[in-house]
Amino acid sequence: MHLQKILIIDDDQVDRIRVKRYLSQSELSQNIQISEVTTADEGLQLYADEGGFDVVLLDYMLPDHDGIYVLQKLLWEQDPLATVIALTGHGNELSKVSGD
């Protein structure tokens, strides 16, 4: 079975632990490789260095840039077919993404 590479871009350690715990409980957990970074720039660099990931779990609020910046850089400059799941504890940011 194909190893699923997952990149978590989130500056909150507690949130990263929660996500990793949830993923480790999956029946596919043995086929998952998780990488994690705390800033947008680190995430973009690691994505490029690794030649992509199967899924990116992206926090909206990061210390150096917001999630929209990462989406633009990732999808427009690196990989237009990247799979990105946005994570946020702030509902208003999701409204910005959807244009509301």
PDB file of N, CA and C in Angstrom:
ATOM      1  N   MET A   1       0.842  -1.179   0.000  1.00  0.00           N
ATOM      2  CA  MET A   1       0.000   0.000   0.000  1.00  0.00           C
ATOM      3  C   MET A   1       0.887   1.243   0.000  1.00  0.00           C
ATOM      4  N   HIS A   2       0.451   2.258  -0.697  1.00  0.00           N
ATOM      5  CA  HIS A   2       1.186   3.517  -0.841  1.00  0.00           C
ATOM      6  C   HIS A   2       1.276   4.262   0.492  1.00  0.00           C
ATOM      7  N   LEU A   3       2.473   4.726   0.823  1.00  0.00           N
ATOM      8  CA  LEU A   3       2.676   5.538   2.021  1.00  0.00           C
ATOM      9  C   LEU A   3       2.053   6.917   1.795  1.00  0.00           C
ATOM     10  N   GLN A   4       1.169   7.323   2.672  1.00  0.00           N
ATOM     11  CA  GLN A   4       0.516   8.620   2.576  1.00  0.00           C
ATOM     12  C   GLN A   4       1.342   9.661   3.319  1.00  0.00           C
ATOM     13  N   LYS A   5       1.833  10.645   2.595  1.00  0.00           N
ATOM     14  CA  LYS A   5       2.629  11.707   3.203  1.00  0.00           C
ATOM     15  C   LYS A   5       1.710  12.879   3.549  1.00  0.00           C
ATOM     16  N   ILE A   6       1.701  13.253   4.824  1.00  0.00           N
ATOM     17  CA  ILE A   6       0.851  14.334   5.302  1.00  0.00           C
ATOM     18  C   ILE A   6       1.732  15.412   5.907  1.00  0.00           C
ATOM     19  N   LEU A   7       1.474  16.650   5.518  1.00  0.00           N
ATOM     20  CA  LEU A   7       2.188  17.801   6.063  1.00  0.00           C
ATOM     21  C   LEU A   7       1.228  18.615   6.909  1.00  0.00           C
ATOM     22  N   ILE A   8       1.599  18.839   8.169  1.00  0.00           N
ATOM     23  CA  ILE A   8       0.820  19.697   9.060  1.00  0.00           C
ATOM     24  C   ILE A   8       1.564  21.020   9.186  1.00  0.00           C
ATOM     25  N   ILE A   9       0.890  22.113   8.818  1.00  0.00           N
ATOM     26  CA  ILE A   9       1.453  23.451   8.984  1.00  0.00           C
ATOM     27  C   ILE A   9       0.602  24.156  10.028  1.00  0.00           C
ATOM     28  N   ASP A  10       1.101  24.199  11.253  1.00  0.00           N
ATOM     29  CA  ASP A  10       0.340  24.761  12.371  1.00  0.00           C
ATOM     30  C   ASP A  10       1.314  25.160  13.470  1.00  0.00           C
ATOM     31  N   ASP A  11       1.185  26.379  13.969  1.00  0.00           N
ATOM     32  CA  ASP A  11       2.103  26.849  15.003  1.00  0.00           C
ATOM     33  C   ASP A  11       1.675  26.441  16.404  1.00  0.00           C
ATOM     34  N   ASP A  12       0.504  25.857  16.555  1.00  0.00           N
ATOM     35  CA  ASP A  12      -0.006  25.453  17.865  1.00  0.00           C
ATOM     36  C   ASP A  12       0.332  23.989  18.121  1.00  0.00           C
ATOM     37  N   GLN A  13       1.229  23.751  19.061  1.00  0.00           N
ATOM     38  CA  GLN A  13       1.678  22.399  19.356  1.00  0.00           C
ATOM     39  C   GLN A  13       0.528  21.494  19.791  1.00  0.00           C
ATOM     40  N   VAL A  14      -0.384  22.015  20.581  1.00  0.00           N
ATOM     41  CA  VAL A  14      -1.524  21.215  21.053  1.00  0.00           C
ATOM     42  C   VAL A  14      -2.377  20.763  19.874  1.00  0.00           C
ATOM     43  N   ASP A  15      -2.607  21.651  18.928  1.00  0.00           N
ATOM     44  CA  ASP A  15      -3.392  21.281  17.749  1.00  0.00           C
ATOM     45  C   ASP A  15      -2.676  20.224  16.918  1.00  0.00           C
ATOM     46  N   ARG A  16      -1.364  20.361  16.766  1.00  0.00           N
ATOM     47  CA  ARG A  16      -0.599  19.356  16.008  1.00  0.00           C
ATOM     48  C   ARG A  16      -0.674  17.999  16.696  1.00  0.00           C
ATOM     49  N   ILE A  17      -0.577  17.984  18.012  1.00  0.00           N
ATOM     50  CA  ILE A  17      -0.671  16.727  18.767  1.00  0.00           C
ATOM     51  C   ILE A  17      -2.043  16.090  18.568  1.00  0.00           C
ATOM     52  N   ARG A  18      -3.094  16.903  18.621  1.00  0.00           N
ATOM     53  CA  ARG A  18      -4.459  16.387  18.426  1.00  0.00           C
ATOM     54  C   ARG A  18      -4.613  15.746  17.052  1.00  0.00           C
ATOM     55  N   VAL A  19      -4.130  16.446  16.036  1.00  0.00           N
ATOM     56  CA  VAL A  19      -4.249  15.923  14.674  1.00  0.00           C
ATOM     57  C   VAL A  19      -3.473  14.620  14.540  1.00  0.00           C
ATOM     58  N   LYS A  20      -2.251  14.593  15.056  1.00  0.00           N
ATOM     59  CA  LYS A  20      -1.442  13.371  14.968  1.00  0.00           C
ATOM     60  C   LYS A  20      -2.098  12.221  15.736  1.00  0.00           C
ATOM     61  N   ARG A  21      -2.682  12.523  16.889  1.00  0.00           N
ATOM     62  CA  ARG A  21      -3.370  11.487  17.669  1.00  0.00           C
ATOM     63  C   ARG A  21      -4.559  10.930  16.880  1.00  0.00           C
ATOM     64  N   TYR A  22      -5.323  11.811  16.279  1.00  0.00           N
ATOM     65  CA  TYR A  22      -6.470  11.385  15.480  1.00  0.00           C
ATOM     66  C   TYR A  22      -6.008  10.507  14.310  1.00  0.00           C
ATOM     67  N   LEU A  23      -4.982  10.955  13.605  1.00  0.00           N
ATOM     68  CA  LEU A  23      -4.486  10.186  12.470  1.00  0.00           C
ATOM     69  C   LEU A  23      -3.912   8.838  12.895  1.00  0.00           C
ATOM     70  N   SER A  24      -3.284   8.792  14.053  1.00  0.00           N
ATOM     71  CA  SER A  24      -2.689   7.536  14.532  1.00  0.00           C
ATOM     72  C   SER A  24      -3.756   6.502  14.891  1.00  0.00           C
ATOM     73  N   GLN A  25      -4.980   6.943  15.135  1.00  0.00           N
ATOM     74  CA  GLN A  25      -6.075   6.034  15.471  1.00  0.00           C
ATOM     75  C   GLN A  25      -6.755   5.464  14.231  1.00  0.00           C
ATOM     76  N   SER A  26      -6.380   5.972  13.070  1.00  0.00           N
ATOM     77  CA  SER A  26      -6.948   5.493  11.810  1.00  0.00           C
ATOM     78  C   SER A  26      -6.444   4.090  11.515  1.00  0.00           C
ATOM     79  N   GLU A  27      -7.259   3.302  10.847  1.00  0.00           N
ATOM     80  CA  GLU A  27      -6.822   1.956  10.465  1.00  0.00           C
ATOM     81  C   GLU A  27      -5.702   2.005   9.428  1.00  0.00           C
ATOM     82  N   LEU A  28      -5.494   3.149   8.823  1.00  0.00           N
ATOM     83  CA  LEU A  28      -4.416   3.326   7.848  1.00  0.00           C
ATOM     84  C   LEU A  28      -3.158   3.926   8.465  1.00  0.00           C
ATOM     85  N   SER A  29      -3.119   4.030   9.781  1.00  0.00           N
ATOM     86  CA  SER A  29      -2.037   4.749  10.455  1.00  0.00           C
ATOM     87  C   SER A  29      -0.655   4.188  10.153  1.00  0.00           C
ATOM     88  N   GLN A  30      -0.551   2.922   9.850  1.00  0.00           N
ATOM     89  CA  GLN A  30       0.754   2.337   9.553  1.00  0.00           C
ATOM     90  C   GLN A  30       1.293   2.793   8.208  1.00  0.00           C
ATOM     91  N   ASN A  31       0.437   3.348   7.384  1.00  0.00           N
ATOM     92  CA  ASN A  31       0.840   3.798   6.058  1.00  0.00           C
ATOM     93  C   ASN A  31       0.888   5.320   5.960  1.00  0.00           C
ATOM     94  N   ILE A  32       0.993   5.997   7.095  1.00  0.00           N
ATOM     95  CA  ILE A  32       1.012   7.455   7.119  1.00  0.00           C
ATOM     96  C   ILE A  32       2.364   7.948   7.617  1.00  0.00           C
ATOM     97  N   GLN A  33       2.924   8.884   6.882  1.00  0.00           N
ATOM     98  CA  GLN A  33       4.146   9.577   7.312  1.00  0.00           C
ATOM     99  C   GLN A  33       3.763  11.034   7.536  1.00  0.00           C
ATOM    100  N   ILE A  34       3.917  11.518   8.766  1.00  0.00           N
ATOM    101  CA  ILE A  34       3.518  12.879   9.104  1.00  0.00           C
ATOM    102  C   ILE A  34       4.750  13.752   9.291  1.00  0.00           C
ATOM    103  N   SER A  35       4.745  14.883   8.600  1.00  0.00           N
ATOM    104  CA  SER A  35       5.764  15.913   8.809  1.00  0.00           C
ATOM    105  C   SER A  35       5.041  17.130   9.347  1.00  0.00           C
ATOM    106  N   GLU A  36       5.723  17.898  10.186  1.00  0.00           N
ATOM    107  CA  GLU A  36       5.077  19.074  10.754  1.00  0.00           C
ATOM    108  C   GLU A  36       6.042  20.242  10.830  1.00  0.00           C
ATOM    109  N   VAL A  37       5.488  21.424  10.586  1.00  0.00           N
ATOM    110  CA  VAL A  37       6.240  22.673  10.684  1.00  0.00           C
ATOM    111  C   VAL A  37       5.341  23.707  11.350  1.00  0.00           C
ATOM    112  N   THR A  38       5.961  24.811  11.790  1.00  0.00           N
ATOM    113  CA  THR A  38       5.203  25.809  12.543  1.00  0.00           C
ATOM    114  C   THR A  38       5.001  27.127  11.812  1.00  0.00           C
ATOM    115  N   THR A  39       5.586  27.286  10.637  1.00  0.00           N
ATOM    116  CA  THR A  39       5.405  28.539   9.903  1.00  0.00           C
ATOM    117  C   THR A  39       5.052  28.257   8.445  1.00  0.00           C
ATOM    118  N   ALA A  40       4.482  29.269   7.807  1.00  0.00           N
ATOM    119  CA  ALA A  40       4.136  29.176   6.389  1.00  0.00           C
ATOM    120  C   ALA A  40       5.378  28.951   5.540  1.00  0.00           C
ATOM    121  N   ASP A  41       6.416  29.726   5.784  1.00  0.00           N
ATOM    122  CA  ASP A  41       7.630  29.607   4.986  1.00  0.00           C
ATOM    123  C   ASP A  41       8.268  28.229   5.117  1.00  0.00           C
ATOM    124  N   GLU A  42       8.295  27.687   6.336  1.00  0.00           N
ATOM    125  CA  GLU A  42       8.831  26.336   6.539  1.00  0.00           C
ATOM    126  C   GLU A  42       7.996  25.304   5.778  1.00  0.00           C
ATOM    127  N   GLY A  43       6.689  25.478   5.802  1.00  0.00           N
ATOM    128  CA  GLY A  43       5.803  24.555   5.096  1.00  0.00           C
ATOM    129  C   GLY A  43       6.003  24.583   3.602  1.00  0.00           C
ATOM    130  N   LEU A  44       6.099  25.779   3.045  1.00  0.00           N
ATOM    131  CA  LEU A  44       6.319  25.894   1.605  1.00  0.00           C
ATOM    132  C   LEU A  44       7.666  25.313   1.205  1.00  0.00           C
ATOM    133  N   GLN A  45       8.676  25.549   2.012  1.00  0.00           N
ATOM    134  CA  GLN A  45      10.003  25.024   1.709  1.00  0.00           C
ATOM    135  C   GLN A  45      10.030  23.495   1.791  1.00  0.00           C
ATOM    136  N   LEU A  46       9.421  22.941   2.844  1.00  0.00           N
ATOM    137  CA  LEU A  46       9.401  21.490   2.995  1.00  0.00           C
ATOM    138  C   LEU A  46       8.607  20.840   1.871  1.00  0.00           C
ATOM    139  N   TYR A  47       7.508  21.450   1.477  1.00  0.00           N
ATOM    140  CA  TYR A  47       6.707  20.921   0.366  1.00  0.00           C
ATOM    141  C   TYR A  47       7.570  20.832  -0.889  1.00  0.00           C
ATOM    142  N   ALA A  48       8.313  21.884  -1.158  1.00  0.00           N
ATOM    143  CA  ALA A  48       9.189  21.902  -2.333  1.00  0.00           C
ATOM    144  C   ALA A  48      10.308  20.872  -2.195  1.00  0.00           C
ATOM    145  N   ASP A  49      10.937  20.823  -1.032  1.00  0.00           N
ATOM    146  CA  ASP A  49      12.054  19.898  -0.808  1.00  0.00           C
ATOM    147  C   ASP A  49      11.632  18.437  -0.945  1.00  0.00           C
ATOM    148  N   GLU A  50      10.429  18.122  -0.483  1.00  0.00           N
ATOM    149  CA  GLU A  50       9.938  16.743  -0.497  1.00  0.00           C
ATOM    150  C   GLU A  50       9.287  16.365  -1.825  1.00  0.00           C
ATOM    151  N   GLY A  51       9.098  17.329  -2.695  1.00  0.00           N
ATOM    152  CA  GLY A  51       8.429  17.040  -3.956  1.00  0.00           C
ATOM    153  C   GLY A  51       6.937  16.833  -3.799  1.00  0.00           C
ATOM    154  N   GLY A  52       6.380  17.419  -2.753  1.00  0.00           N
ATOM    155  CA  GLY A  52       4.942  17.357  -2.521  1.00  0.00           C
ATOM    156  C   GLY A  52       4.547  16.417  -1.403  1.00  0.00           C
ATOM    157  N   PHE A  53       3.284  16.518  -1.049  1.00  0.00           N
ATOM    158  CA  PHE A  53       2.657  15.678  -0.030  1.00  0.00           C
ATOM    159  C   PHE A  53       1.295  15.251  -0.557  1.00  0.00           C
ATOM    160  N   ASP A  54       0.775  14.173  -0.021  1.00  0.00           N
ATOM    161  CA  ASP A  54      -0.555  13.732  -0.429  1.00  0.00           C
ATOM    162  C   ASP A  54      -1.630  14.665   0.106  1.00  0.00           C
ATOM    163  N   VAL A  55      -1.413  15.182   1.312  1.00  0.00           N
ATOM    164  CA  VAL A  55      -2.365  16.095   1.948  1.00  0.00           C
ATOM    165  C   VAL A  55      -1.595  17.111   2.780  1.00  0.00           C
ATOM    166  N   VAL A  56      -2.052  18.359   2.730  1.00  0.00           N
ATOM    167  CA  VAL A  56      -1.527  19.410   3.604  1.00  0.00           C
ATOM    168  C   VAL A  56      -2.652  19.836   4.527  1.00  0.00           C
ATOM    169  N   LEU A  57      -2.411  19.783   5.833  1.00  0.00           N
ATOM    170  CA  LEU A  57      -3.352  20.283   6.826  1.00  0.00           C
ATOM    171  C   LEU A  57      -2.826  21.652   7.243  1.00  0.00           C
ATOM    172  N   LEU A  58      -3.543  22.689   6.895  1.00  0.00           N
ATOM    173  CA  LEU A  58      -3.055  24.060   6.983  1.00  0.00           C
ATOM    174  C   LEU A  58      -3.863  24.896   7.961  1.00  0.00           C
ATOM    175  N   ASP A  59      -3.186  25.407   8.973  1.00  0.00           N
ATOM    176  CA  ASP A  59      -3.810  26.340   9.903  1.00  0.00           C
ATOM    177  C   ASP A  59      -3.911  27.699   9.218  1.00  0.00           C
ATOM    178  N   TYR A  60      -4.970  28.418   9.508  1.00  0.00           N
ATOM    179  CA  TYR A  60      -5.131  29.744   8.899  1.00  0.00           C
ATOM    180  C   TYR A  60      -4.217  30.781   9.540  1.00  0.00           C
ATOM    181  N   MET A  61      -4.125  30.755  10.850  1.00  0.00           N
ATOM    182  CA  MET A  61      -3.353  31.759  11.587  1.00  0.00           C
ATOM    183  C   MET A  61      -1.946  31.240  11.861  1.00  0.00           C
ATOM    184  N   LEU A  62      -0.963  31.770  11.145  1.00  0.00           N
ATOM    185  CA  LEU A  62       0.427  31.384  11.328  1.00  0.00           C
ATOM    186  C   LEU A  62       1.242  32.620  11.678  1.00  0.00           C
ATOM    187  N   PRO A  63       2.396  32.444  12.298  1.00  0.00           N
ATOM    188  CA  PRO A  63       3.151  33.619  12.759  1.00  0.00           C
ATOM    189  C   PRO A  63       3.735  34.482  11.644  1.00  0.00           C
ATOM    190  N   ASP A  64       4.010  33.896  10.481  1.00  0.00           N
ATOM    191  CA  ASP A  64       4.660  34.679   9.429  1.00  0.00           C
ATOM    192  C   ASP A  64       3.721  35.093   8.299  1.00  0.00           C
ATOM    193  N   HIS A  65       2.737  34.281   7.972  1.00  0.00           N
ATOM    194  CA  HIS A  65       1.767  34.581   6.911  1.00  0.00           C
ATOM    195  C   HIS A  65       0.461  33.890   7.271  1.00  0.00           C
ATOM    196  N   ASP A  66      -0.614  34.280   6.597  1.00  0.00           N
ATOM    197  CA  ASP A  66      -1.870  33.581   6.842  1.00  0.00           C
ATOM    198  C   ASP A  66      -2.024  32.423   5.843  1.00  0.00           C
ATOM    199  N   GLY A  67      -3.066  31.633   6.053  1.00  0.00           N
ATOM    200  CA  GLY A  67      -3.305  30.474   5.218  1.00  0.00           C
ATOM    201  C   GLY A  67      -3.574  30.802   3.766  1.00  0.00           C
ATOM    202  N   ILE A  68      -4.175  31.958   3.503  1.00  0.00           N
ATOM    203  CA  ILE A  68      -4.441  32.366   2.121  1.00  0.00           C
ATOM    204  C   ILE A  68      -3.127  32.537   1.364  1.00  0.00           C
ATOM    205  N   TYR A  69      -2.145  33.123   2.008  1.00  0.00           N
ATOM    206  CA  TYR A  69      -0.821  33.290   1.406  1.00  0.00           C
ATOM    207  C   TYR A  69      -0.250  31.918   1.034  1.00  0.00           C
ATOM    208  N   VAL A  70      -0.335  30.974   1.965  1.00  0.00           N
ATOM    209  CA  VAL A  70       0.197  29.635   1.709  1.00  0.00           C
ATOM    210  C   VAL A  70      -0.543  28.994   0.542  1.00  0.00           C
ATOM    211  N   LEU A  71      -1.861  29.090   0.530  1.00  0.00           N
ATOM    212  CA  LEU A  71      -2.642  28.527  -0.582  1.00  0.00           C
ATOM    213  C   LEU A  71      -2.220  29.121  -1.916  1.00  0.00           C
ATOM    214  N   GLN A  72      -2.081  30.434  -1.954  1.00  0.00           N
ATOM    215  CA  GLN A  72      -1.675  31.085  -3.206  1.00  0.00           C
ATOM    216  C   GLN A  72      -0.312  30.609  -3.663  1.00  0.00           C
ATOM    217  N   LYS A  73       0.663  30.606  -2.762  1.00  0.00           N
ATOM    218  CA  LYS A  73       2.011  30.179  -3.115  1.00  0.00           C
ATOM    219  C   LYS A  73       2.034  28.703  -3.523  1.00  0.00           C
ATOM    220  N   LEU A  74       1.354  27.895  -2.755  1.00  0.00           N
ATOM    221  CA  LEU A  74       1.360  26.463  -3.009  1.00  0.00           C
ATOM    222  C   LEU A  74       0.660  26.122  -4.323  1.00  0.00           C
ATOM    223  N   LEU A  75      -0.562  26.606  -4.478  1.00  0.00           N
ATOM    224  CA  LEU A  75      -1.354  26.228  -5.648  1.00  0.00           C
ATOM    225  C   LEU A  75      -0.934  26.944  -6.923  1.00  0.00           C
ATOM    226  N   TRP A  76      -0.483  28.173  -6.831  1.00  0.00           N
ATOM    227  CA  TRP A  76      -0.123  28.924  -8.033  1.00  0.00           C
ATOM    228  C   TRP A  76       1.333  28.753  -8.435  1.00  0.00           C
ATOM    229  N   GLU A  77       2.204  28.481  -7.481  1.00  0.00           N
ATOM    230  CA  GLU A  77       3.625  28.436  -7.803  1.00  0.00           C
ATOM    231  C   GLU A  77       4.254  27.050  -7.685  1.00  0.00           C
ATOM    232  N   GLN A  78       3.669  26.160  -6.880  1.00  0.00           N
ATOM    233  CA  GLN A  78       4.314  24.865  -6.679  1.00  0.00           C
ATOM    234  C   GLN A  78       3.526  23.698  -7.251  1.00  0.00           C
ATOM    235  N   ASP A  79       2.244  23.598  -6.895  1.00  0.00           N
ATOM    236  CA  ASP A  79       1.481  22.404  -7.255  1.00  0.00           C
ATOM    237  C   ASP A  79      -0.008  22.741  -7.342  1.00  0.00           C
ATOM    238  N   PRO A  80      -0.497  23.023  -8.540  1.00  0.00           N
ATOM    239  CA  PRO A  80      -1.908  23.410  -8.674  1.00  0.00           C
ATOM    240  C   PRO A  80      -2.889  22.299  -8.311  1.00  0.00           C
ATOM    241  N   LEU A  81      -2.400  21.084  -8.160  1.00  0.00           N
ATOM    242  CA  LEU A  81      -3.269  19.962  -7.806  1.00  0.00           C
ATOM    243  C   LEU A  81      -3.099  19.520  -6.353  1.00  0.00           C
ATOM    244  N   ALA A  82      -2.437  20.321  -5.546  1.00  0.00           N
ATOM    245  CA  ALA A  82      -2.220  19.974  -4.140  1.00  0.00           C
ATOM    246  C   ALA A  82      -3.554  19.833  -3.413  1.00  0.00           C
ATOM    247  N   THR A  83      -3.603  18.878  -2.504  1.00  0.00           N
ATOM    248  CA  THR A  83      -4.776  18.694  -1.653  1.00  0.00           C
ATOM    249  C   THR A  83      -4.499  19.380  -0.327  1.00  0.00           C
ATOM    250  N   VAL A  84      -5.314  20.398  -0.024  1.00  0.00           N
ATOM    251  CA  VAL A  84      -5.116  21.197   1.185  1.00  0.00           C
ATOM    252  C   VAL A  84      -6.416  21.219   1.974  1.00  0.00           C
ATOM    253  N   ILE A  85      -6.298  20.922   3.262  1.00  0.00           N
ATOM    254  CA  ILE A  85      -7.436  21.030   4.172  1.00  0.00           C
ATOM    255  C   ILE A  85      -7.117  22.166   5.128  1.00  0.00           C
ATOM    256  N   ALA A  86      -7.967  23.176   5.140  1.00  0.00           N
ATOM    257  CA  ALA A  86      -7.756  24.339   6.003  1.00  0.00           C
ATOM    258  C   ALA A  86      -8.309  24.055   7.394  1.00  0.00           C
ATOM    259  N   LEU A  87      -7.503  24.393   8.401  1.00  0.00           N
ATOM    260  CA  LEU A  87      -7.896  24.234   9.798  1.00  0.00           C
ATOM    261  C   LEU A  87      -7.912  25.608  10.447  1.00  0.00           C
ATOM    262  N   THR A  88      -8.948  25.898  11.185  1.00  0.00           N
ATOM    263  CA  THR A  88      -8.977  27.164  11.912  1.00  0.00           C
ATOM    264  C   THR A  88      -9.954  27.087  13.065  1.00  0.00           C
ATOM    265  N   GLY A  89      -9.640  27.807  14.094  1.00  0.00           N
ATOM    266  CA  GLY A  89     -10.556  27.939  15.214  1.00  0.00           C
ATOM    267  C   GLY A  89     -11.310  29.256  15.142  1.00  0.00           C
ATOM    268  N   HIS A  90     -11.148  29.960  14.030  1.00  0.00           N
ATOM    269  CA  HIS A  90     -11.745  31.283  13.861  1.00  0.00           C
ATOM    270  C   HIS A  90     -12.655  31.270  12.636  1.00  0.00           C
ATOM    271  N   GLY A  91     -13.956  31.301  12.845  1.00  0.00           N
ATOM    272  CA  GLY A  91     -14.921  31.225  11.758  1.00  0.00           C
ATOM    273  C   GLY A  91     -14.820  32.345  10.750  1.00  0.00           C
ATOM    274  N   ASN A  92     -14.427  33.528  11.169  1.00  0.00           N
ATOM    275  CA  ASN A  92     -14.373  34.663  10.259  1.00  0.00           C
ATOM    276  C   ASN A  92     -13.372  34.461   9.133  1.00  0.00           C
ATOM    277  N   GLU A  93     -12.262  33.778   9.403  1.00  0.00           N
ATOM    278  CA  GLU A  93     -11.276  33.545   8.360  1.00  0.00           C
ATOM    279  C   GLU A  93     -11.820  32.661   7.257  1.00  0.00           C
ATOM    280  N   LEU A  94     -12.649  31.683   7.617  1.00  0.00           N
ATOM    281  CA  LEU A  94     -13.251  30.845   6.595  1.00  0.00           C
ATOM    282  C   LEU A  94     -14.162  31.654   5.711  1.00  0.00           C
ATOM    283  N   SER A  95     -14.805  32.662   6.250  1.00  0.00           N
ATOM    284  CA  SER A  95     -15.636  33.530   5.437  1.00  0.00           C
ATOM    285  C   SER A  95     -14.810  34.263   4.402  1.00  0.00           C
ATOM    286  N   LYS A  96     -13.595  34.674   4.778  1.00  0.00           N
ATOM    287  CA  LYS A  96     -12.715  35.346   3.840  1.00  0.00           C
ATOM    288  C   LYS A  96     -12.364  34.441   2.672  1.00  0.00           C
ATOM    289  N   VAL A  97     -12.115  33.162   2.967  1.00  0.00           N
ATOM    290  CA  VAL A  97     -11.747  32.205   1.942  1.00  0.00           C
ATOM    291  C   VAL A  97     -12.909  32.020   0.965  1.00  0.00           C
ATOM    292  N   SER A  98     -14.126  31.925   1.505  1.00  0.00           N
ATOM    293  CA  SER A  98     -15.283  31.692   0.657  1.00  0.00           C
ATOM    294  C   SER A  98     -15.812  32.959   0.007  1.00  0.00           C
ATOM    295  N   GLY A  99     -15.296  34.115   0.407  1.00  0.00           N
ATOM    296  CA  GLY A  99     -15.722  35.372  -0.182  1.00  0.00           C
ATOM    297  C   GLY A  99     -16.949  35.975   0.454  1.00  0.00           C
ATOM    298  N   ASP A 100     -17.389  35.459   1.585  1.00  0.00           N
ATOM    299  CA  ASP A 100     -18.579  35.994   2.273  1.00  0.00           C
ATOM    300  C   ASP A 100     -18.279  37.292   2.993  1.00  0.00           C
TER     301      ASP A 100
END
